[in-house]
Structure formats: structure tokens, C-alpha cells
Amino acid sequence: MTSRQARLQEDTYFRVMRILQENPDLTQRELAERLGVSVGGLNYCLKALMGKGLVKMKNFGYSKNKFGYVYVLTPSGIAEKSAITHRFLQRKMEEYEALRTEIEMLKAEAENQSSESAQ
């Protein structure tokens, strides 16, 4: 079982790679805003992804970014994003099932309380 911190980190990596795959020329500020994280936190994440060889920074003259670079997923980054996507989806489905079960229990409890108070 992975730790909560490790799952949160993987979720952040997933979200960053997902956005970058579609929009490689976003600035760090734009990417941080989309993710709801600080620019410093995003910078730390991007450095970690680059350190793992999952993302690389390329010079690109037509980028809207004033420094003229884009962030692209490497072939291993694309493969890792696929694996992370599978794990992310599995976790979210488990969370969904747990919530669905809890909602059904709460509905039953509310119906019982409602029928008891009507008597």
C-alpha cells in the first residue's frame, strides 16, 4: 500500500503530464493556475519529472512563452503517464464505490429516522 503522500504526488504528476501533453507551451504560471498550486510547487514538480526523464524542456521559437521553450513528455513520460492514468482511474473508481455505498447507507438511515419520527 502506498502512502497518502505518494498518492498525492503521483496524482500531481499525472495532472501535470496530462495538461502538458495537450498544452506543451503553457508557462509555469499558467500551468500552476490550472492545477491550483503555487508556481514554486509546480517548479519543484517539473524538476522532479525532468529528473526522472519523463518531461523535457525544449527550445521552441514560436512558443507564446517569452523564454521560447515548451515542456514535452518524453517517450518514457508518455508510457509512465499511461501507467499512472490506469492507477489514478482505479483509485477514483474505488473512491466512487465507497462514496456510493456510504450514500446508500445514509439514505437508508434517513428513511428509517423519517419513518420513526412520523410514528
C-alpha atoms as a PDB file:
ATOM      1  CA  MET A   1       0.000   0.000   0.000  1.00  0.00           C
ATOM      2  CA  THR A   2       1.423   3.359  -0.979  1.00  0.00           C
ATOM      3  CA  SER A   3       1.361   6.275   1.408  1.00  0.00           C
ATOM      4  CA  ARG A   4      -1.126   9.095   1.101  1.00  0.00           C
ATOM      5  CA  GLN A   5       1.751  11.468   0.296  1.00  0.00           C
ATOM      6  CA  ALA A   6       2.984   9.208  -2.517  1.00  0.00           C
ATOM      7  CA  ARG A   7      -0.524   9.009  -3.990  1.00  0.00           C
ATOM      8  CA  LEU A   8      -0.903  12.801  -3.859  1.00  0.00           C
ATOM      9  CA  GLN A   9       2.467  13.230  -5.547  1.00  0.00           C
ATOM     10  CA  GLU A  10       1.553  10.740  -8.252  1.00  0.00           C
ATOM     11  CA  ASP A  11      -1.795  12.492  -8.777  1.00  0.00           C
ATOM     12  CA  THR A  12       0.034  15.800  -9.187  1.00  0.00           C
ATOM     13  CA  TYR A  13       2.474  14.239 -11.671  1.00  0.00           C
ATOM     14  CA  PHE A  14      -0.481  12.784 -13.569  1.00  0.00           C
ATOM     15  CA  ARG A  15      -2.276  16.116 -13.767  1.00  0.00           C
ATOM     16  CA  VAL A  16       0.867  17.966 -14.859  1.00  0.00           C
ATOM     17  CA  MET A  17       1.684  15.419 -17.574  1.00  0.00           C
ATOM     18  CA  ARG A  18      -1.936  15.337 -18.732  1.00  0.00           C
ATOM     19  CA  ILE A  19      -2.064  19.104 -19.193  1.00  0.00           C
ATOM     20  CA  LEU A  20       1.404  19.292 -20.757  1.00  0.00           C
ATOM     21  CA  GLN A  21       0.561  16.613 -23.296  1.00  0.00           C
ATOM     22  CA  GLU A  22      -2.281  18.808 -24.574  1.00  0.00           C
ATOM     23  CA  ASN A  23      -0.662  22.235 -23.987  1.00  0.00           C
ATOM     24  CA  PRO A  24       3.147  21.990 -24.003  1.00  0.00           C
ATOM     25  CA  ASP A  25       3.701  25.730 -24.400  1.00  0.00           C
ATOM     26  CA  LEU A  26       1.943  26.829 -21.212  1.00  0.00           C
ATOM     27  CA  THR A  27       4.024  28.997 -18.952  1.00  0.00           C
ATOM     28  CA  GLN A  28       4.717  27.744 -15.455  1.00  0.00           C
ATOM     29  CA  ARG A  29       2.370  30.404 -14.106  1.00  0.00           C
ATOM     30  CA  GLU A  30      -0.462  29.310 -16.425  1.00  0.00           C
ATOM     31  CA  LEU A  31       0.117  25.660 -15.597  1.00  0.00           C
ATOM     32  CA  ALA A  32       0.213  26.399 -11.856  1.00  0.00           C
ATOM     33  CA  GLU A  33      -3.081  28.311 -12.127  1.00  0.00           C
ATOM     34  CA  ARG A  34      -4.759  25.416 -13.947  1.00  0.00           C
ATOM     35  CA  LEU A  35      -3.571  22.991 -11.293  1.00  0.00           C
ATOM     36  CA  GLY A  36      -4.344  25.251  -8.352  1.00  0.00           C
ATOM     37  CA  VAL A  37      -0.785  25.075  -6.993  1.00  0.00           C
ATOM     38  CA  SER A  38       1.919  27.663  -6.407  1.00  0.00           C
ATOM     39  CA  VAL A  39       4.466  28.416  -9.111  1.00  0.00           C
ATOM     40  CA  GLY A  40       7.201  27.236  -6.736  1.00  0.00           C
ATOM     41  CA  GLY A  41       5.377  23.960  -6.128  1.00  0.00           C
ATOM     42  CA  LEU A  42       4.915  23.452  -9.855  1.00  0.00           C
ATOM     43  CA  ASN A  43       8.587  24.240 -10.474  1.00  0.00           C
ATOM     44  CA  TYR A  44       9.548  21.582  -7.923  1.00  0.00           C
ATOM     45  CA  CYS A  45       7.234  19.076  -9.652  1.00  0.00           C
ATOM     46  CA  LEU A  46       8.568  19.879 -13.132  1.00  0.00           C
ATOM     47  CA  LYS A  47      12.151  19.475 -11.936  1.00  0.00           C
ATOM     48  CA  ALA A  48      11.258  16.096 -10.450  1.00  0.00           C
ATOM     49  CA  LEU A  49       9.593  14.997 -13.697  1.00  0.00           C
ATOM     50  CA  MET A  50      12.595  16.183 -15.703  1.00  0.00           C
ATOM     51  CA  GLY A  51      14.946  14.445 -13.266  1.00  0.00           C
ATOM     52  CA  LYS A  52      13.056  11.191 -13.844  1.00  0.00           C
ATOM     53  CA  GLY A  53      13.315  11.689 -17.607  1.00  0.00           C
ATOM     54  CA  LEU A  54       9.544  11.944 -18.038  1.00  0.00           C
ATOM     55  CA  VAL A  55       9.433  15.567 -19.214  1.00  0.00           C
ATOM     56  CA  LYS A  56      11.982  17.630 -21.070  1.00  0.00           C
ATOM     57  CA  MET A  57      12.242  21.296 -21.816  1.00  0.00           C
ATOM     58  CA  LYS A  58      12.828  22.178 -25.458  1.00  0.00           C
ATOM     59  CA  ASN A  59      13.619  25.470 -27.118  1.00  0.00           C
ATOM     60  CA  PHE A  60      10.830  26.434 -29.454  1.00  0.00           C
ATOM     61  CA  GLY A  61      10.909  29.740 -31.299  1.00  0.00           C
ATOM     62  CA  TYR A  62       7.161  30.012 -31.826  1.00  0.00           C
ATOM     63  CA  SER A  63       6.162  29.389 -28.235  1.00  0.00           C
ATOM     64  CA  LYS A  64       3.929  32.012 -26.630  1.00  0.00           C
ATOM     65  CA  ASN A  65       6.220  31.679 -23.631  1.00  0.00           C
ATOM     66  CA  LYS A  66       8.552  34.695 -23.641  1.00  0.00           C
ATOM     67  CA  PHE A  67      11.572  32.486 -22.968  1.00  0.00           C
ATOM     68  CA  GLY A  68      10.793  30.383 -26.059  1.00  0.00           C
ATOM     69  CA  TYR A  69      10.581  26.919 -24.536  1.00  0.00           C
ATOM     70  CA  VAL A  70       7.989  24.213 -24.181  1.00  0.00           C
ATOM     71  CA  TYR A  71       7.635  21.237 -21.866  1.00  0.00           C
ATOM     72  CA  VAL A  72       7.162  17.936 -23.683  1.00  0.00           C
ATOM     73  CA  LEU A  73       6.643  14.429 -22.457  1.00  0.00           C
ATOM     74  CA  THR A  74       9.431  12.052 -23.356  1.00  0.00           C
ATOM     75  CA  PRO A  75       8.604   8.590 -24.732  1.00  0.00           C
ATOM     76  CA  SER A  76       9.130   7.195 -21.226  1.00  0.00           C
ATOM     77  CA  GLY A  77       6.953  10.038 -19.896  1.00  0.00           C
ATOM     78  CA  ILE A  78       4.146   9.014 -22.226  1.00  0.00           C
ATOM     79  CA  ALA A  79       4.457   5.387 -21.072  1.00  0.00           C
ATOM     80  CA  GLU A  80       4.548   6.419 -17.409  1.00  0.00           C
ATOM     81  CA  LYS A  81       1.537   8.709 -17.894  1.00  0.00           C
ATOM     82  CA  SER A  82      -0.369   5.723 -19.269  1.00  0.00           C
ATOM     83  CA  ALA A  83       0.516   3.625 -16.207  1.00  0.00           C
ATOM     84  CA  ILE A  84      -0.330   6.478 -13.840  1.00  0.00           C
ATOM     85  CA  THR A  85      -3.638   7.024 -15.662  1.00  0.00           C
ATOM     86  CA  HIS A  86      -4.577   3.402 -15.021  1.00  0.00           C
ATOM     87  CA  ARG A  87      -3.726   3.655 -11.300  1.00  0.00           C
ATOM     88  CA  PHE A  88      -5.463   7.044 -10.996  1.00  0.00           C
ATOM     89  CA  LEU A  89      -8.630   5.715 -12.617  1.00  0.00           C
ATOM     90  CA  GLN A  90      -8.606   2.625 -10.400  1.00  0.00           C
ATOM     91  CA  ARG A  91      -8.255   4.772  -7.245  1.00  0.00           C
ATOM     92  CA  LYS A  92     -11.056   7.085  -8.351  1.00  0.00           C
ATOM     93  CA  MET A  93     -13.343   4.131  -9.100  1.00  0.00           C
ATOM     94  CA  GLU A  94     -12.663   2.713  -5.621  1.00  0.00           C
ATOM     95  CA  GLU A  95     -13.423   6.125  -4.091  1.00  0.00           C
ATOM     96  CA  TYR A  96     -16.617   6.311  -6.141  1.00  0.00           C
ATOM     97  CA  GLU A  97     -17.761   2.876  -4.969  1.00  0.00           C
ATOM     98  CA  ALA A  98     -17.028   3.747  -1.328  1.00  0.00           C
ATOM     99  CA  LEU A  99     -18.989   7.004  -1.654  1.00  0.00           C
ATOM    100  CA  ARG A 100     -21.863   5.261  -3.412  1.00  0.00           C
ATOM    101  CA  THR A 101     -22.065   2.697  -0.597  1.00  0.00           C
ATOM    102  CA  GLU A 102     -21.940   5.434   2.049  1.00  0.00           C
ATOM    103  CA  ILE A 103     -24.667   7.412   0.272  1.00  0.00           C
ATOM    104  CA  GLU A 104     -26.924   4.354   0.129  1.00  0.00           C
ATOM    105  CA  MET A 105     -26.370   3.731   3.855  1.00  0.00           C
ATOM    106  CA  LEU A 106     -27.139   7.376   4.673  1.00  0.00           C
ATOM    107  CA  LYS A 107     -30.305   7.285   2.569  1.00  0.00           C
ATOM    108  CA  ALA A 108     -31.498   4.173   4.386  1.00  0.00           C
ATOM    109  CA  GLU A 109     -30.651   5.752   7.746  1.00  0.00           C
ATOM    110  CA  ALA A 110     -32.513   8.948   6.835  1.00  0.00           C
ATOM    111  CA  GLU A 111     -35.571   6.952   5.697  1.00  0.00           C
ATOM    112  CA  ASN A 112     -35.578   4.982   8.963  1.00  0.00           C
ATOM    113  CA  GLN A 113     -35.311   8.156  11.043  1.00  0.00           C
ATOM    114  CA  SER A 114     -38.028   9.797   8.992  1.00  0.00           C
ATOM    115  CA  SER A 115     -40.420   6.845   9.429  1.00  0.00           C
ATOM    116  CA  GLU A 116     -39.642   6.624  13.183  1.00  0.00           C
ATOM    117  CA  SER A 117     -40.361  10.313  13.732  1.00  0.00           C
ATOM    118  CA  ALA A 118     -43.631  10.017  11.791  1.00  0.00           C
ATOM    119  CA  GLN A 119     -44.925   7.413  14.227  1.00  0.00           C
END
